[in-house]
Amino acid sequence: MITSFETDDKVLRELETIATLSNDYRDGINYSVSNLNNHNPIQKELKSQEPLSPLEQANAEKLLKLESERLQSEQEFLKYKEQESKKTQFNL
């Protein structure tokens, strides 16, 4: 049963003749499910990353603190807006 669409024989013929793409269609890489358990070199590289320098560590902590403060400020703003909208609704 087809609903809200009309069949077009030409389009259907074109769809039937389009070949399906193989799993290794892009850059010669095979993205099939059977390759998910293969060794991933990226994971090894991430594990072997050197520790951060004191300056990099301080910058990372500073960024984390700034992000935390931003989120807290955003939550306070949203809470304020919600209270204001409740006051406005109550006054109407």
PDB file of N, CA and C in Angstrom:
ATOM      1  N   MET A   1       0.840  -1.170   0.000  1.00  0.00           N
ATOM      2  CA  MET A   1       0.000   0.000   0.000  1.00  0.00           C
ATOM      3  C   MET A   1       0.892   1.243   0.000  1.00  0.00           C
ATOM      4  N   ILE A   2       0.616   2.163  -0.877  1.00  0.00           N
ATOM      5  CA  ILE A   2       1.377   3.405  -0.963  1.00  0.00           C
ATOM      6  C   ILE A   2       0.473   4.534  -0.507  1.00  0.00           C
ATOM      7  N   THR A   3       0.964   5.324   0.424  1.00  0.00           N
ATOM      8  CA  THR A   3       0.160   6.435   0.926  1.00  0.00           C
ATOM      9  C   THR A   3       0.901   7.738   0.705  1.00  0.00           C
ATOM     10  N   SER A   4       0.192   8.729   0.284  1.00  0.00           N
ATOM     11  CA  SER A   4       0.650  10.107   0.075  1.00  0.00           C
ATOM     12  C   SER A   4       1.799  10.239  -0.928  1.00  0.00           C
ATOM     13  N   PHE A   5       2.102   9.182  -1.650  1.00  0.00           N
ATOM     14  CA  PHE A   5       3.098   9.259  -2.708  1.00  0.00           C
ATOM     15  C   PHE A   5       2.553   8.552  -3.940  1.00  0.00           C
ATOM     16  N   GLU A   6       2.882   9.063  -5.081  1.00  0.00           N
ATOM     17  CA  GLU A   6       2.498   8.390  -6.312  1.00  0.00           C
ATOM     18  C   GLU A   6       3.712   7.657  -6.846  1.00  0.00           C
ATOM     19  N   THR A   7       3.480   6.499  -7.409  1.00  0.00           N
ATOM     20  CA  THR A   7       4.602   5.761  -7.981  1.00  0.00           C
ATOM     21  C   THR A   7       4.947   6.340  -9.332  1.00  0.00           C
ATOM     22  N   ASP A   8       6.202   6.379  -9.617  1.00  0.00           N
ATOM     23  CA  ASP A   8       6.697   6.841 -10.904  1.00  0.00           C
ATOM     24  C   ASP A   8       7.545   5.706 -11.455  1.00  0.00           C
ATOM     25  N   ASP A   9       7.065   5.083 -12.519  1.00  0.00           N
ATOM     26  CA  ASP A   9       7.752   3.912 -13.059  1.00  0.00           C
ATOM     27  C   ASP A   9       9.192   4.217 -13.450  1.00  0.00           C
ATOM     28  N   LYS A  10       9.446   5.405 -13.993  1.00  0.00           N
ATOM     29  CA  LYS A  10      10.801   5.754 -14.398  1.00  0.00           C
ATOM     30  C   LYS A  10      11.729   5.799 -13.176  1.00  0.00           C
ATOM     31  N   VAL A  11      11.285   6.432 -12.107  1.00  0.00           N
ATOM     32  CA  VAL A  11      12.098   6.523 -10.896  1.00  0.00           C
ATOM     33  C   VAL A  11      12.330   5.138 -10.319  1.00  0.00           C
ATOM     34  N   LEU A  12      11.293   4.312 -10.285  1.00  0.00           N
ATOM     35  CA  LEU A  12      11.439   2.962  -9.758  1.00  0.00           C
ATOM     36  C   LEU A  12      12.443   2.160 -10.574  1.00  0.00           C
ATOM     37  N   ARG A  13      12.404   2.302 -11.908  1.00  0.00           N
ATOM     38  CA  ARG A  13      13.374   1.592 -12.759  1.00  0.00           C
ATOM     39  C   ARG A  13      14.787   2.074 -12.458  1.00  0.00           C
ATOM     40  N   GLU A  14      14.952   3.400 -12.270  1.00  0.00           N
ATOM     41  CA  GLU A  14      16.278   3.935 -11.969  1.00  0.00           C
ATOM     42  C   GLU A  14      16.785   3.410 -10.629  1.00  0.00           C
ATOM     43  N   LEU A  15      15.911   3.347  -9.646  1.00  0.00           N
ATOM     44  CA  LEU A  15      16.320   2.835  -8.344  1.00  0.00           C
ATOM     45  C   LEU A  15      16.718   1.371  -8.419  1.00  0.00           C
ATOM     46  N   GLU A  16      16.024   0.608  -9.240  1.00  0.00           N
ATOM     47  CA  GLU A  16      16.338  -0.813  -9.371  1.00  0.00           C
ATOM     48  C   GLU A  16      17.671  -1.038 -10.060  1.00  0.00           C
ATOM     49  N   THR A  17      18.078  -0.121 -10.930  1.00  0.00           N
ATOM     50  CA  THR A  17      19.313  -0.320 -11.686  1.00  0.00           C
ATOM     51  C   THR A  17      20.539   0.243 -10.978  1.00  0.00           C
ATOM     52  N   ILE A  18      20.343   1.024  -9.922  1.00  0.00           N
ATOM     53  CA  ILE A  18      21.493   1.576  -9.200  1.00  0.00           C
ATOM     54  C   ILE A  18      22.151   0.461  -8.403  1.00  0.00           C
ATOM     55  N   ALA A  19      23.436   0.283  -8.616  1.00  0.00           N
ATOM     56  CA  ALA A  19      24.169  -0.768  -7.908  1.00  0.00           C
ATOM     57  C   ALA A  19      24.394  -0.345  -6.461  1.00  0.00           C
ATOM     58  N   THR A  20      24.373  -1.303  -5.568  1.00  0.00           N
ATOM     59  CA  THR A  20      24.651  -0.988  -4.169  1.00  0.00           C
ATOM     60  C   THR A  20      26.150  -0.790  -3.982  1.00  0.00           C
ATOM     61  N   LEU A  21      26.496   0.060  -3.048  1.00  0.00           N
ATOM     62  CA  LEU A  21      27.900   0.339  -2.780  1.00  0.00           C
ATOM     63  C   LEU A  21      28.476  -0.735  -1.880  1.00  0.00           C
ATOM     64  N   SER A  22      29.704  -1.112  -2.159  1.00  0.00           N
ATOM     65  CA  SER A  22      30.351  -2.104  -1.306  1.00  0.00           C
ATOM     66  C   SER A  22      30.839  -1.427  -0.031  1.00  0.00           C
ATOM     67  N   ASN A  23      31.234  -2.227   0.934  1.00  0.00           N
ATOM     68  CA  ASN A  23      31.705  -1.678   2.201  1.00  0.00           C
ATOM     69  C   ASN A  23      33.022  -0.925   2.064  1.00  0.00           C
ATOM     70  N   ASP A  24      33.781  -1.231   1.061  1.00  0.00           N
ATOM     71  CA  ASP A  24      35.085  -0.574   0.906  1.00  0.00           C
ATOM     72  C   ASP A  24      35.060   0.431  -0.236  1.00  0.00           C
ATOM     73  N   TYR A  25      33.971   1.158  -0.368  1.00  0.00           N
ATOM     74  CA  TYR A  25      33.828   2.102  -1.465  1.00  0.00           C
ATOM     75  C   TYR A  25      34.641   3.359  -1.266  1.00  0.00           C
ATOM     76  N   ARG A  26      35.021   3.687  -0.039  1.00  0.00           N
ATOM     77  CA  ARG A  26      35.670   4.967   0.228  1.00  0.00           C
ATOM     78  C   ARG A  26      37.123   4.766   0.636  1.00  0.00           C
ATOM     79  N   ASP A  27      38.018   5.301  -0.121  1.00  0.00           N
ATOM     80  CA  ASP A  27      39.449   5.296   0.191  1.00  0.00           C
ATOM     81  C   ASP A  27      40.012   3.899   0.412  1.00  0.00           C
ATOM     82  N   GLY A  28      39.373   2.897  -0.126  1.00  0.00           N
ATOM     83  CA  GLY A  28      39.872   1.545   0.027  1.00  0.00           C
ATOM     84  C   GLY A  28      39.746   1.010   1.434  1.00  0.00           C
ATOM     85  N   ILE A  29      38.978   1.661   2.274  1.00  0.00           N
ATOM     86  CA  ILE A  29      38.812   1.218   3.657  1.00  0.00           C
ATOM     87  C   ILE A  29      37.555   0.382   3.747  1.00  0.00           C
ATOM     88  N   ASN A  30      37.638  -0.718   4.448  1.00  0.00           N
ATOM     89  CA  ASN A  30      36.489  -1.592   4.602  1.00  0.00           C
ATOM     90  C   ASN A  30      35.826  -1.285   5.937  1.00  0.00           C
ATOM     91  N   TYR A  31      34.593  -0.774   5.871  1.00  0.00           N
ATOM     92  CA  TYR A  31      33.871  -0.381   7.069  1.00  0.00           C
ATOM     93  C   TYR A  31      32.911  -1.458   7.555  1.00  0.00           C
ATOM     94  N   SER A  32      33.074  -2.675   7.141  1.00  0.00           N
ATOM     95  CA  SER A  32      32.115  -3.714   7.499  1.00  0.00           C
ATOM     96  C   SER A  32      32.216  -4.070   8.977  1.00  0.00           C
ATOM     97  N   VAL A  33      31.163  -4.686   9.489  1.00  0.00           N
ATOM     98  CA  VAL A  33      31.096  -5.057  10.900  1.00  0.00           C
ATOM     99  C   VAL A  33      32.208  -6.027  11.263  1.00  0.00           C
ATOM    100  N   SER A  34      32.620  -6.856  10.334  1.00  0.00           N
ATOM    101  CA  SER A  34      33.654  -7.844  10.635  1.00  0.00           C
ATOM    102  C   SER A  34      34.997  -7.196  10.956  1.00  0.00           C
ATOM    103  N   ASN A  35      35.181  -5.924  10.597  1.00  0.00           N
ATOM    104  CA  ASN A  35      36.453  -5.250  10.852  1.00  0.00           C
ATOM    105  C   ASN A  35      36.455  -4.448  12.152  1.00  0.00           C
ATOM    106  N   LEU A  36      35.371  -4.483  12.914  1.00  0.00           N
ATOM    107  CA  LEU A  36      35.317  -3.691  14.138  1.00  0.00           C
ATOM    108  C   LEU A  36      36.268  -4.204  15.210  1.00  0.00           C
ATOM    109  N   ASN A  37      36.590  -5.486  15.184  1.00  0.00           N
ATOM    110  CA  ASN A  37      37.461  -6.058  16.212  1.00  0.00           C
ATOM    111  C   ASN A  37      38.934  -5.987  15.846  1.00  0.00           C
ATOM    112  N   ASN A  38      39.254  -5.440  14.698  1.00  0.00           N
ATOM    113  CA  ASN A  38      40.655  -5.324  14.287  1.00  0.00           C
ATOM    114  C   ASN A  38      41.384  -4.304  15.150  1.00  0.00           C
ATOM    115  N   HIS A  39      42.692  -4.394  15.165  1.00  0.00           N
ATOM    116  CA  HIS A  39      43.531  -3.481  15.940  1.00  0.00           C
ATOM    117  C   HIS A  39      43.316  -2.045  15.469  1.00  0.00           C
ATOM    118  N   ASN A  40      43.136  -1.144  16.401  1.00  0.00           N
ATOM    119  CA  ASN A  40      42.955   0.267  16.094  1.00  0.00           C
ATOM    120  C   ASN A  40      44.211   1.012  16.534  1.00  0.00           C
ATOM    121  N   PRO A  41      45.044   1.476  15.597  1.00  0.00           N
ATOM    122  CA  PRO A  41      46.300   2.142  15.963  1.00  0.00           C
ATOM    123  C   PRO A  41      46.084   3.453  16.711  1.00  0.00           C
ATOM    124  N   ILE A  42      44.942   4.085  16.536  1.00  0.00           N
ATOM    125  CA  ILE A  42      44.688   5.358  17.205  1.00  0.00           C
ATOM    126  C   ILE A  42      44.636   5.160  18.715  1.00  0.00           C
ATOM    127  N   GLN A  43      44.039   4.070  19.181  1.00  0.00           N
ATOM    128  CA  GLN A  43      43.955   3.824  20.616  1.00  0.00           C
ATOM    129  C   GLN A  43      45.342   3.722  21.240  1.00  0.00           C
ATOM    130  N   LYS A  44      46.257   3.082  20.565  1.00  0.00           N
ATOM    131  CA  LYS A  44      47.612   2.948  21.094  1.00  0.00           C
ATOM    132  C   LYS A  44      48.282   4.320  21.174  1.00  0.00           C
ATOM    133  N   GLU A  45      48.075   5.140  20.151  1.00  0.00           N
ATOM    134  CA  GLU A  45      48.681   6.463  20.155  1.00  0.00           C
ATOM    135  C   GLU A  45      48.152   7.304  21.310  1.00  0.00           C
ATOM    136  N   LEU A  46      46.858   7.206  21.606  1.00  0.00           N
ATOM    137  CA  LEU A  46      46.299   7.984  22.697  1.00  0.00           C
ATOM    138  C   LEU A  46      46.839   7.528  24.039  1.00  0.00           C
ATOM    139  N   LYS A  47      47.051   6.239  24.206  1.00  0.00           N
ATOM    140  CA  LYS A  47      47.564   5.720  25.467  1.00  0.00           C
ATOM    141  C   LYS A  47      49.021   6.119  25.686  1.00  0.00           C
ATOM    142  N   SER A  48      49.753   6.313  24.601  1.00  0.00           N
ATOM    143  CA  SER A  48      51.172   6.628  24.732  1.00  0.00           C
ATOM    144  C   SER A  48      51.441   8.134  24.717  1.00  0.00           C
ATOM    145  N   GLN A  49      50.404   8.944  24.919  1.00  0.00           N
ATOM    146  CA  GLN A  49      50.575  10.391  24.931  1.00  0.00           C
ATOM    147  C   GLN A  49      51.415  10.808  26.134  1.00  0.00           C
ATOM    148  N   GLU A  50      52.312  11.755  25.923  1.00  0.00           N
ATOM    149  CA  GLU A  50      53.166  12.236  27.006  1.00  0.00           C
ATOM    150  C   GLU A  50      52.341  13.043  28.005  1.00  0.00           C
ATOM    151  N   PRO A  51      52.760  13.052  29.274  1.00  0.00           N
ATOM    152  CA  PRO A  51      52.039  13.857  30.272  1.00  0.00           C
ATOM    153  C   PRO A  51      52.126  15.345  29.927  1.00  0.00           C
ATOM    154  N   LEU A  52      51.146  16.100  30.396  1.00  0.00           N
ATOM    155  CA  LEU A  52      51.135  17.536  30.133  1.00  0.00           C
ATOM    156  C   LEU A  52      52.222  18.236  30.937  1.00  0.00           C
ATOM    157  N   SER A  53      52.766  19.285  30.341  1.00  0.00           N
ATOM    158  CA  SER A  53      53.732  20.105  31.070  1.00  0.00           C
ATOM    159  C   SER A  53      52.978  20.869  32.158  1.00  0.00           C
ATOM    160  N   PRO A  54      53.698  21.408  33.145  1.00  0.00           N
ATOM    161  CA  PRO A  54      53.015  22.184  34.200  1.00  0.00           C
ATOM    162  C   PRO A  54      52.171  23.332  33.632  1.00  0.00           C
ATOM    163  N   LEU A  55      52.672  23.999  32.594  1.00  0.00           N
ATOM    164  CA  LEU A  55      51.917  25.095  31.976  1.00  0.00           C
ATOM    165  C   LEU A  55      50.655  24.565  31.294  1.00  0.00           C
ATOM    166  N   GLU A  56      50.790  23.459  30.558  1.00  0.00           N
ATOM    167  CA  GLU A  56      49.626  22.863  29.900  1.00  0.00           C
ATOM    168  C   GLU A  56      48.606  22.386  30.929  1.00  0.00           C
ATOM    169  N   GLN A  57      49.089  21.817  32.029  1.00  0.00           N
ATOM    170  CA  GLN A  57      48.201  21.352  33.096  1.00  0.00           C
ATOM    171  C   GLN A  57      47.444  22.532  33.710  1.00  0.00           C
ATOM    172  N   ALA A  58      48.172  23.632  33.958  1.00  0.00           N
ATOM    173  CA  ALA A  58      47.538  24.826  34.537  1.00  0.00           C
ATOM    174  C   ALA A  58      46.488  25.396  33.586  1.00  0.00           C
ATOM    175  N   ASN A  59      46.817  25.431  32.290  1.00  0.00           N
ATOM    176  CA  ASN A  59      45.856  25.930  31.299  1.00  0.00           C
ATOM    177  C   ASN A  59      44.624  25.034  31.223  1.00  0.00           C
ATOM    178  N   ALA A  60      44.827  23.731  31.294  1.00  0.00           N
ATOM    179  CA  ALA A  60      43.703  22.794  31.253  1.00  0.00           C
ATOM    180  C   ALA A  60      42.804  22.989  32.472  1.00  0.00           C
ATOM    181  N   GLU A  61      43.409  23.167  33.641  1.00  0.00           N
ATOM    182  CA  GLU A  61      42.631  23.400  34.862  1.00  0.00           C
ATOM    183  C   GLU A  61      41.883  24.726  34.789  1.00  0.00           C
ATOM    184  N   LYS A  62      42.535  25.742  34.220  1.00  0.00           N
ATOM    185  CA  LYS A  62      41.896  27.051  34.074  1.00  0.00           C
ATOM    186  C   LYS A  62      40.691  26.949  33.140  1.00  0.00           C
ATOM    187  N   LEU A  63      40.852  26.250  32.025  1.00  0.00           N
ATOM    188  CA  LEU A  63      39.740  26.066  31.092  1.00  0.00           C
ATOM    189  C   LEU A  63      38.595  25.297  31.740  1.00  0.00           C
ATOM    190  N   LEU A  64      38.928  24.287  32.512  1.00  0.00           N
ATOM    191  CA  LEU A  64      37.908  23.504  33.208  1.00  0.00           C
ATOM    192  C   LEU A  64      37.137  24.379  34.198  1.00  0.00           C
ATOM    193  N   LYS A  65      37.860  25.224  34.927  1.00  0.00           N
ATOM    194  CA  LYS A  65      37.220  26.122  35.890  1.00  0.00           C
ATOM    195  C   LYS A  65      36.318  27.123  35.172  1.00  0.00           C
ATOM    196  N   LEU A  66      36.805  27.698  34.070  1.00  0.00           N
ATOM    197  CA  LEU A  66      36.003  28.655  33.311  1.00  0.00           C
ATOM    198  C   LEU A  66      34.734  28.006  32.762  1.00  0.00           C
ATOM    199  N   GLU A  67      34.861  26.792  32.261  1.00  0.00           N
ATOM    200  CA  GLU A  67      33.700  26.075  31.732  1.00  0.00           C
ATOM    201  C   GLU A  67      32.701  25.793  32.848  1.00  0.00           C
ATOM    202  N   SER A  68      33.194  25.412  34.007  1.00  0.00           N
ATOM    203  CA  SER A  68      32.329  25.150  35.154  1.00  0.00           C
ATOM    204  C   SER A  68      31.587  26.421  35.567  1.00  0.00           C
ATOM    205  N   GLU A  69      32.302  27.541  35.609  1.00  0.00           N
ATOM    206  CA  GLU A  69      31.679  28.814  35.966  1.00  0.00           C
ATOM    207  C   GLU A  69      30.651  29.235  34.927  1.00  0.00           C
ATOM    208  N   ARG A  70      30.947  28.988  33.662  1.00  0.00           N
ATOM    209  CA  ARG A  70      30.011  29.328  32.592  1.00  0.00           C
ATOM    210  C   ARG A  70      28.722  28.524  32.733  1.00  0.00           C
ATOM    211  N   LEU A  71      28.860  27.226  33.001  1.00  0.00           N
ATOM    212  CA  LEU A  71      27.686  26.376  33.167  1.00  0.00           C
ATOM    213  C   LEU A  71      26.861  26.802  34.378  1.00  0.00           C
ATOM    214  N   GLN A  72      27.536  27.135  35.465  1.00  0.00           N
ATOM    215  CA  GLN A  72      26.835  27.585  36.667  1.00  0.00           C
ATOM    216  C   GLN A  72      26.087  28.884  36.387  1.00  0.00           C
ATOM    217  N   SER A  73      26.737  29.804  35.696  1.00  0.00           N
ATOM    218  CA  SER A  73      26.108  31.075  35.354  1.00  0.00           C
ATOM    219  C   SER A  73      24.896  30.854  34.450  1.00  0.00           C
ATOM    220  N   GLU A  74      25.036  29.957  33.497  1.00  0.00           N
ATOM    221  CA  GLU A  74      23.933  29.649  32.590  1.00  0.00           C
ATOM    222  C   GLU A  74      22.750  29.057  33.355  1.00  0.00           C
ATOM    223  N   GLN A  75      23.031  28.174  34.304  1.00  0.00           N
ATOM    224  CA  GLN A  75      21.959  27.576  35.110  1.00  0.00           C
ATOM    225  C   GLN A  75      21.258  28.633  35.963  1.00  0.00           C
ATOM    226  N   GLU A  76      22.030  29.535  36.541  1.00  0.00           N
ATOM    227  CA  GLU A  76      21.441  30.609  37.345  1.00  0.00           C
ATOM    228  C   GLU A  76      20.571  31.514  36.483  1.00  0.00           C
ATOM    229  N   PHE A  77      21.032  31.814  35.275  1.00  0.00           N
ATOM    230  CA  PHE A  77      20.265  32.648  34.356  1.00  0.00           C
ATOM    231  C   PHE A  77      18.949  31.975  33.982  1.00  0.00           C
ATOM    232  N   LEU A  78      19.010  30.685  33.660  1.00  0.00           N
ATOM    233  CA  LEU A  78      17.795  29.955  33.296  1.00  0.00           C
ATOM    234  C   LEU A  78      16.820  29.894  34.471  1.00  0.00           C
ATOM    235  N   LYS A  79      17.348  29.718  35.661  1.00  0.00           N
ATOM    236  CA  LYS A  79      16.503  29.689  36.859  1.00  0.00           C
ATOM    237  C   LYS A  79      15.826  31.048  37.050  1.00  0.00           C
ATOM    238  N   TYR A  80      16.582  32.121  36.858  1.00  0.00           N
ATOM    239  CA  TYR A  80      16.036  33.474  36.968  1.00  0.00           C
ATOM    240  C   TYR A  80      14.943  33.702  35.930  1.00  0.00           C
ATOM    241  N   LYS A  81      15.209  33.299  34.684  1.00  0.00           N
ATOM    242  CA  LYS A  81      14.219  33.467  33.608  1.00  0.00           C
ATOM    243  C   LYS A  81      12.945  32.698  33.926  1.00  0.00           C
ATOM    244  N   GLU A  82      13.088  31.504  34.469  1.00  0.00           N
ATOM    245  CA  GLU A  82      11.925  30.690  34.825  1.00  0.00           C
ATOM    246  C   GLU A  82      11.111  31.378  35.921  1.00  0.00           C
ATOM    247  N   GLN A  83      11.803  31.930  36.919  1.00  0.00           N
ATOM    248  CA  GLN A  83      11.106  32.639  37.996  1.00  0.00           C
ATOM    249  C   GLN A  83      10.379  33.867  37.459  1.00  0.00           C
ATOM    250  N   GLU A  84      11.023  34.588  36.544  1.00  0.00           N
ATOM    251  CA  GLU A  84      10.404  35.767  35.946  1.00  0.00           C
ATOM    252  C   GLU A  84       9.168  35.394  35.133  1.00  0.00           C
ATOM    253  N   SER A  85       9.252  34.307  34.390  1.00  0.00           N
ATOM    254  CA  SER A  85       8.093  33.894  33.592  1.00  0.00           C
ATOM    255  C   SER A  85       6.942  33.454  34.493  1.00  0.00           C
ATOM    256  N   LYS A  86       7.254  32.826  35.627  1.00  0.00           N
ATOM    257  CA  LYS A  86       6.208  32.441  36.584  1.00  0.00           C
ATOM    258  C   LYS A  86       5.555  33.684  37.185  1.00  0.00           C
ATOM    259  N   LYS A  87       6.366  34.703  37.504  1.00  0.00           N
ATOM    260  CA  LYS A  87       5.819  35.949  38.041  1.00  0.00           C
ATOM    261  C   LYS A  87       4.911  36.615  37.016  1.00  0.00           C
ATOM    262  N   THR A  88       5.338  36.627  35.766  1.00  0.00           N
ATOM    263  CA  THR A  88       4.557  37.234  34.698  1.00  0.00           C
ATOM    264  C   THR A  88       3.240  36.498  34.514  1.00  0.00           C
ATOM    265  N   GLN A  89       3.272  35.193  34.537  1.00  0.00           N
ATOM    266  CA  GLN A  89       2.052  34.400  34.386  1.00  0.00           C
ATOM    267  C   GLN A  89       1.124  34.618  35.573  1.00  0.00           C
ATOM    268  N   PHE A  90       1.681  34.750  36.752  1.00  0.00           N
ATOM    269  CA  PHE A  90       0.884  34.946  37.958  1.00  0.00           C
ATOM    270  C   PHE A  90       0.186  36.301  37.931  1.00  0.00           C
ATOM    271  N   ASN A  91       0.884  37.322  37.400  1.00  0.00           N
ATOM    272  CA  ASN A  91       0.326  38.674  37.352  1.00  0.00           C
ATOM    273  C   ASN A  91      -0.739  38.828  36.279  1.00  0.00           C
ATOM    274  N   LEU A  92      -0.775  37.941  35.324  1.00  0.00           N
ATOM    275  CA  LEU A  92      -1.791  38.043  34.268  1.00  0.00           C
ATOM    276  C   LEU A  92      -3.064  37.536  34.798  1.00  0.00           C
TER     277      LEU A  92
END
